[in-house]
Each structure stands twice: as C-alpha cells, then as structure tokens.
Amino acid sequence: MNALLREAFDAIPADVKREFEISYLLAARLDAALKEKGITQKQFAQMLGKRDSEVSRWLTGRHNFTLRTIALIETRLSMNLIN
C-alpha cells in the first residue's frame, strides 16, 4: 500500500472501520445462508416483501442494517445473523 493510501486509511476512526467490518460480515453470512438454503436473491426479496435491488444492496456489505431488518431476516430464514 502506498504511503498516501496508508495515511488515509490510518485516519479513519476505529469505530468506523469496525462498522464496515460488521456490515460486510453480516452480508457474507446472509449470502452464505441464502446459498445454503438454495434461495435466490429474488426469492428472498419476495419472502421479505422487498425489492430485489434492496436485497442486492444488502449483499454488497455497504448497507447499514437496522435491528428491525436483522430481526426480519433472521425470522424468515430461521437463523441467527448475530451470535
């Protein structure tokens, strides 16, 4: 990593870095669960009454999940995203 990029990365507060880490982790767990259960993104969106594009954003890892959304996902998939 070049010095300028390292400097920019180091300037990001630890809590913000952790927020992104958690978001990507949730997205990865959700993606793995859908694959394990054989559910497509479109099917999952329909299960939740959401648009496919919204679920797509969730799976990028850049979505700020609310507790309500996490609870809805966990209930519909009968799983825990957060342990």
Protein backbone atom coordinates (compact mmCIF):
# COMPACT_ATOMS: atom_id res chain seq x y z
CA MET A 1 0.00 0.00 0.00
CA ASN A 2 1.46 3.37 -0.90
CA ALA A 3 2.11 5.99 1.78
CA LEU A 4 -0.80 8.25 0.81
CA LEU A 5 -3.29 5.41 0.90
CA ARG A 6 -1.88 4.16 4.22
CA GLU A 7 -2.19 7.67 5.68
CA ALA A 8 -5.82 7.95 4.53
CA PHE A 9 -6.65 4.51 5.93
CA ASP A 10 -4.99 5.27 9.25
CA ALA A 11 -7.05 8.46 9.55
CA ILE A 12 -10.33 6.51 9.60
CA PRO A 13 -11.57 6.18 13.20
CA ALA A 14 -11.53 2.65 14.63
CA ASP A 15 -15.30 2.62 15.22
CA VAL A 16 -15.96 3.44 11.57
CA LYS A 17 -13.62 0.67 10.47
CA ARG A 18 -15.46 -1.73 12.80
CA GLU A 19 -18.84 -0.61 11.44
CA PHE A 20 -17.77 -1.55 7.91
CA GLU A 21 -16.32 -4.83 9.13
CA ILE A 22 -19.59 -5.77 10.82
CA SER A 23 -21.62 -4.76 7.78
CA TYR A 24 -19.51 -6.91 5.46
CA LEU A 25 -19.68 -9.81 7.91
CA LEU A 26 -23.49 -9.66 8.02
CA ALA A 27 -23.66 -9.52 4.24
CA ALA A 28 -21.35 -12.53 3.95
CA ARG A 29 -23.40 -14.52 6.47
CA LEU A 30 -26.61 -13.63 4.67
CA ASP A 31 -25.16 -14.61 1.29
CA ALA A 32 -23.91 -17.94 2.69
CA ALA A 33 -27.29 -18.68 4.28
CA LEU A 34 -29.16 -18.00 1.05
CA LYS A 35 -26.81 -20.29 -0.88
CA GLU A 36 -27.05 -23.00 1.78
CA LYS A 37 -30.85 -22.88 1.68
CA GLY A 38 -30.97 -22.68 -2.12
CA ILE A 39 -32.82 -19.35 -2.05
CA THR A 40 -32.19 -16.84 -4.82
CA GLN A 41 -31.87 -13.15 -4.16
CA LYS A 42 -35.16 -12.58 -5.98
CA GLN A 43 -36.96 -15.25 -3.95
CA PHE A 44 -35.57 -13.80 -0.74
CA ALA A 45 -36.74 -10.31 -1.68
CA GLN A 46 -40.22 -11.71 -2.30
CA MET A 47 -40.16 -13.52 1.08
CA LEU A 48 -39.50 -10.18 2.78
CA GLY A 49 -41.75 -8.02 0.63
CA LYS A 50 -38.68 -6.07 -0.51
CA ARG A 51 -37.37 -5.04 -3.91
CA ASP A 52 -34.63 -7.18 -5.40
CA SER A 53 -32.46 -4.07 -5.67
CA GLU A 54 -32.70 -3.52 -1.90
CA VAL A 55 -31.59 -7.07 -1.14
CA SER A 56 -28.80 -6.61 -3.67
CA ARG A 57 -27.55 -3.59 -1.70
CA TRP A 58 -27.65 -5.66 1.49
CA LEU A 59 -25.41 -8.27 -0.10
CA THR A 60 -22.76 -5.72 -1.09
CA GLY A 61 -21.86 -5.21 2.56
CA ARG A 62 -22.36 -1.47 2.35
CA HIS A 63 -25.86 -1.41 3.85
CA ASN A 64 -26.45 -0.11 7.37
CA PHE A 65 -28.71 -2.86 8.73
CA THR A 66 -31.29 -1.81 11.29
CA LEU A 67 -32.23 -4.11 14.13
CA ARG A 68 -35.68 -4.41 12.53
CA THR A 69 -34.15 -5.62 9.26
CA ILE A 70 -31.88 -8.08 11.03
CA ALA A 71 -34.82 -9.46 13.02
CA LEU A 72 -36.88 -9.80 9.83
CA ILE A 73 -34.07 -11.64 8.03
CA GLU A 74 -33.42 -13.94 10.98
CA THR A 75 -37.11 -14.77 11.34
CA ARG A 76 -37.67 -15.51 7.65
CA LEU A 77 -34.52 -17.65 7.37
CA SER A 78 -34.85 -19.28 10.81
CA MET A 79 -31.26 -18.43 11.64
CA ASN A 80 -29.07 -16.04 13.61
CA LEU A 81 -27.02 -13.44 11.75
CA ILE A 82 -25.60 -12.15 15.02
CA ASN A 83 -24.22 -14.60 17.56
